[in-house]
Protein backbone atom coordinates (compact mmCIF):
# COMPACT_ATOMS: atom_id res chain seq x y z
CA UNK A 1 -8.93 -94.19 92.43
CA UNK A 2 -8.46 -92.26 89.19
CA UNK A 3 -12.23 -92.09 89.07
CA UNK A 4 -12.32 -90.33 92.45
CA UNK A 5 -9.70 -87.84 91.32
CA UNK A 6 -11.61 -87.21 88.08
CA UNK A 7 -14.84 -86.77 90.03
CA UNK A 8 -13.19 -84.30 92.41
CA UNK A 9 -11.78 -82.28 89.52
CA UNK A 10 -15.17 -82.29 87.77
CA UNK A 11 -16.98 -81.07 90.90
CA UNK A 12 -14.45 -78.30 91.48
CA UNK A 13 -14.61 -77.33 87.79
CA UNK A 14 -18.39 -77.13 87.92
CA UNK A 15 -18.21 -74.97 91.04
CA UNK A 16 -15.77 -72.58 89.40
CA UNK A 17 -18.24 -71.96 86.56
CA UNK A 18 -20.85 -71.01 89.16
CA UNK A 19 -18.48 -68.39 90.60
CA UNK A 20 -19.77 -66.01 87.92
CA UNK A 21 -23.14 -65.64 89.70
CA UNK A 22 -23.47 -63.19 92.60
CA UNK A 23 -26.62 -62.92 94.66
CA UNK A 24 -27.69 -59.95 96.78
CA UNK A 25 -30.50 -59.60 99.29
CA UNK A 26 -32.32 -56.31 99.80
CA UNK A 27 -34.60 -55.24 102.66
CA UNK A 28 -36.43 -51.99 101.89
CA UNK A 29 -38.04 -49.62 104.40
CA UNK A 30 -38.62 -45.93 105.11
CA UNK A 31 -35.98 -45.53 107.85
CA UNK A 32 -33.34 -46.66 105.30
CA UNK A 33 -34.25 -43.81 102.94
CA UNK A 34 -32.28 -40.56 102.85
CA UNK A 35 -33.66 -38.64 104.54
CA UNK A 36 -35.26 -41.33 106.66
CA UNK A 37 -39.05 -41.39 106.85
CA UNK A 38 -41.70 -43.13 108.93
CA UNK A 39 -43.40 -44.97 106.06
CA UNK A 40 -44.94 -48.28 107.10
CA UNK A 41 -43.99 -49.60 103.65
CA UNK A 42 -41.66 -52.54 103.37
CA UNK A 43 -40.12 -54.59 100.64
CA UNK A 44 -37.67 -57.38 99.98
CA UNK A 45 -35.74 -58.30 96.88
CA UNK A 46 -33.22 -60.69 95.50
CA UNK A 47 -30.87 -59.26 92.89
CA UNK A 48 -28.72 -61.73 90.96
CA UNK A 49 -25.78 -60.65 88.83
CA UNK A 50 -24.35 -63.11 86.30
CA UNK A 51 -21.08 -61.80 84.91
CA UNK A 52 -20.88 -64.51 82.23
CA UNK A 53 -24.42 -63.88 80.91
CA UNK A 54 -24.10 -60.11 81.57
CA UNK A 55 -27.50 -60.07 83.23
CA UNK A 56 -29.05 -58.59 86.36
CA UNK A 57 -32.19 -60.33 87.63
CA UNK A 58 -34.50 -58.55 90.05
CA UNK A 59 -37.20 -60.27 92.10
CA UNK A 60 -38.97 -57.64 94.23
CA UNK A 61 -41.99 -57.71 96.57
CA UNK A 62 -43.30 -54.57 98.30
CA UNK A 63 -46.36 -53.48 100.30
CA UNK A 64 -47.80 -50.90 102.67
CA UNK A 65 -46.66 -47.81 100.80
CA UNK A 66 -48.34 -44.52 101.77
CA UNK A 67 -48.26 -43.20 98.21
CA UNK A 68 -48.63 -44.86 94.83
CA UNK A 69 -45.49 -45.97 93.00
CA UNK A 70 -43.92 -43.60 90.49
CA UNK A 71 -40.51 -45.24 89.86
CA UNK A 72 -38.03 -47.86 91.00
CA UNK A 73 -34.40 -48.45 90.10
CA UNK A 74 -30.93 -49.19 91.45
CA UNK A 75 -28.59 -46.36 92.46
CA UNK A 76 -24.77 -46.56 92.55
CA UNK A 77 -22.18 -45.89 93.84
CA UNK A 78 -22.32 -44.26 97.25
CA UNK A 79 -19.07 -42.96 98.72
CA UNK A 80 -19.32 -45.18 101.81
CA UNK A 81 -20.78 -48.70 101.92
CA UNK A 82 -24.33 -49.06 103.26
CA UNK A 83 -24.91 -45.31 103.61
CA UNK A 84 -25.35 -42.12 101.59
CA UNK A 85 -26.88 -41.43 98.22
CA UNK A 86 -25.88 -41.87 94.60
CA UNK A 87 -27.27 -41.29 91.14
CA UNK A 88 -29.51 -43.74 89.33
CA UNK A 89 -27.50 -46.52 87.66
CA UNK A 90 -30.22 -48.58 85.97
CA UNK A 91 -33.09 -47.76 83.63
CA UNK A 92 -34.71 -44.34 84.03
CA UNK A 93 -37.19 -43.18 84.94
CA UNK A 94 -38.08 -46.67 86.17
CA UNK A 95 -37.49 -50.37 85.51
CA UNK A 96 -39.33 -51.46 82.37
CA UNK A 97 -42.63 -53.03 83.37
CA UNK A 98 -42.43 -51.93 87.00
CA UNK A 99 -46.00 -51.61 88.43
CA UNK A 100 -46.85 -47.91 88.70
CA UNK A 101 -49.75 -46.31 90.58
CA UNK A 102 -49.97 -49.02 93.26
CA UNK A 103 -49.16 -49.30 96.98
CA UNK A 104 -48.09 -52.94 96.85
CA UNK A 105 -46.96 -55.42 94.25
CA UNK A 106 -44.29 -57.63 92.79
CA UNK A 107 -41.72 -57.13 90.09
CA UNK A 108 -39.65 -59.80 88.37
CA UNK A 109 -37.37 -58.93 85.48
CA UNK A 110 -33.91 -59.44 84.03
CA UNK A 111 -31.82 -56.61 82.61
CA UNK A 112 -29.45 -57.34 79.74
CA UNK A 113 -26.36 -55.44 80.84
CA UNK A 114 -24.95 -55.42 77.30
CA UNK A 115 -27.76 -53.05 76.27
CA UNK A 116 -27.59 -49.28 76.84
CA UNK A 117 -31.33 -49.35 77.59
CA UNK A 118 -30.58 -51.14 80.90
CA UNK A 119 -28.78 -48.06 82.26
CA UNK A 120 -29.31 -44.41 83.02
CA UNK A 121 -27.41 -42.66 80.16
CA UNK A 122 -25.76 -40.34 82.72
CA UNK A 123 -24.43 -43.40 84.59
CA UNK A 124 -22.85 -44.77 81.39
CA UNK A 125 -21.17 -41.41 80.79
CA UNK A 126 -19.88 -41.19 84.38
CA UNK A 127 -18.61 -44.78 84.20
CA UNK A 128 -16.34 -44.18 81.22
CA UNK A 129 -18.77 -43.81 78.35
CA UNK A 130 -19.33 -47.46 77.41
CA UNK A 131 -21.92 -50.03 78.41
CA UNK A 132 -19.21 -52.53 79.36
CA UNK A 133 -17.60 -49.94 81.67
CA UNK A 134 -21.01 -49.25 83.23
CA UNK A 135 -21.46 -52.98 83.91
CA UNK A 136 -18.06 -53.16 85.62
CA UNK A 137 -18.86 -50.06 87.69
CA UNK A 138 -22.26 -51.42 88.74
CA UNK A 139 -20.84 -54.86 89.59
CA UNK A 140 -18.12 -53.21 91.69
CA UNK A 141 -20.62 -51.00 93.51
CA UNK A 142 -22.87 -53.98 94.31
CA UNK A 143 -19.94 -56.07 95.57
CA UNK A 144 -18.73 -53.19 97.76
CA UNK A 145 -22.15 -52.55 99.36
CA UNK A 146 -22.39 -49.17 97.61
CA UNK A 147 -25.62 -49.69 95.67
CA UNK A 148 -29.23 -49.56 96.72
CA UNK A 149 -32.67 -50.23 95.31
CA UNK A 150 -35.46 -47.81 96.04
CA UNK A 151 -39.09 -47.23 95.26
CA UNK A 152 -40.37 -43.69 94.69
CA UNK A 153 -44.01 -42.80 95.34
CA UNK A 154 -46.44 -39.91 95.00
CA UNK A 155 -45.99 -39.22 98.73
CA UNK A 156 -42.19 -39.47 98.76
CA UNK A 157 -40.87 -38.27 95.39
CA UNK A 158 -37.26 -38.81 96.46
CA UNK A 159 -38.01 -42.37 97.56
CA UNK A 160 -40.38 -43.95 100.08
CA UNK A 161 -38.49 -47.18 100.78
CA UNK A 162 -34.98 -48.30 99.97
CA UNK A 163 -32.44 -50.93 100.86
CA UNK A 164 -28.78 -51.59 100.12
CA UNK A 165 -27.78 -54.67 98.16
CA UNK A 166 -26.02 -57.05 100.55
CA UNK A 167 -24.15 -60.12 99.32
CA UNK A 168 -25.83 -63.43 100.14
CA UNK A 169 -23.40 -66.15 101.29
CA UNK A 170 -22.90 -69.12 99.02
CA UNK A 171 -25.49 -71.86 99.48
CA UNK A 172 -24.70 -74.71 101.85
CA UNK A 173 -24.82 -77.17 98.93
CA UNK A 174 -21.80 -75.46 97.38
CA UNK A 175 -19.82 -75.78 100.60
CA UNK A 176 -20.88 -79.41 100.92
CA UNK A 177 -19.83 -80.14 97.33
CA UNK A 178 -16.41 -78.57 97.92
CA UNK A 179 -16.06 -80.60 101.12
CA UNK A 180 -17.01 -83.80 99.27
CA UNK A 181 -14.51 -83.08 96.51
CA UNK A 182 -11.74 -82.39 98.99
CA UNK A 183 -12.67 -85.53 100.96
CA UNK A 184 -12.55 -87.64 97.81
CA UNK A 185 -9.14 -86.23 96.96
CA UNK A 186 -7.84 -86.94 100.50
CA UNK A 187 -9.14 -90.53 100.25
CA UNK A 188 -7.42 -90.89 96.88
CA UNK A 189 -4.09 -89.69 98.32
CA UNK A 190 -4.38 -91.96 101.39
CA UNK A 191 -5.16 -95.10 99.36
CA UNK A 192 -2.41 -94.26 96.90
CA UNK A 193 0.18 -94.09 99.73
CA UNK A 194 -1.05 -97.39 101.15
CA UNK A 195 -0.95 -99.14 97.80
């Protein structure tokens, strides 16, 4: 039975180390821009923040834009969740390596949030003047639904498509692992009382 208890503690310990990873889904379109537009362009992204590794991974797919791409980045923090506008938080004028001059494409990259080059210098200044303060501010904005990703184009200089970062619920496997650990602990307690 000590083995079951040890296993339960190990599973819960492993899960607590995963708590440092936060995943956000993003659906981009013209009506979500400010001001809204009728662009047929769409996009979807997964943005993953790891507070232990101090990294922000972006996996973005977009298509159907009416103009060619000129920039893309994450803005933060709006005053109210899931609405409004904010200044650029990440790299300006665009993410490093983002495909420019196209109407569709993909972008996969990871920002090192310990590096000033991952941020708009103005965002660092507004966040307290340090890179670590900018990371905290960006993480808070993402968690509160006050950050968005947008793609600017030659047709829509202020942004053709955008979408707010929305937290993705924990995977079912995590819930199942917690349930298994709690079940093993309950079994341990029951057999201990019987013995």
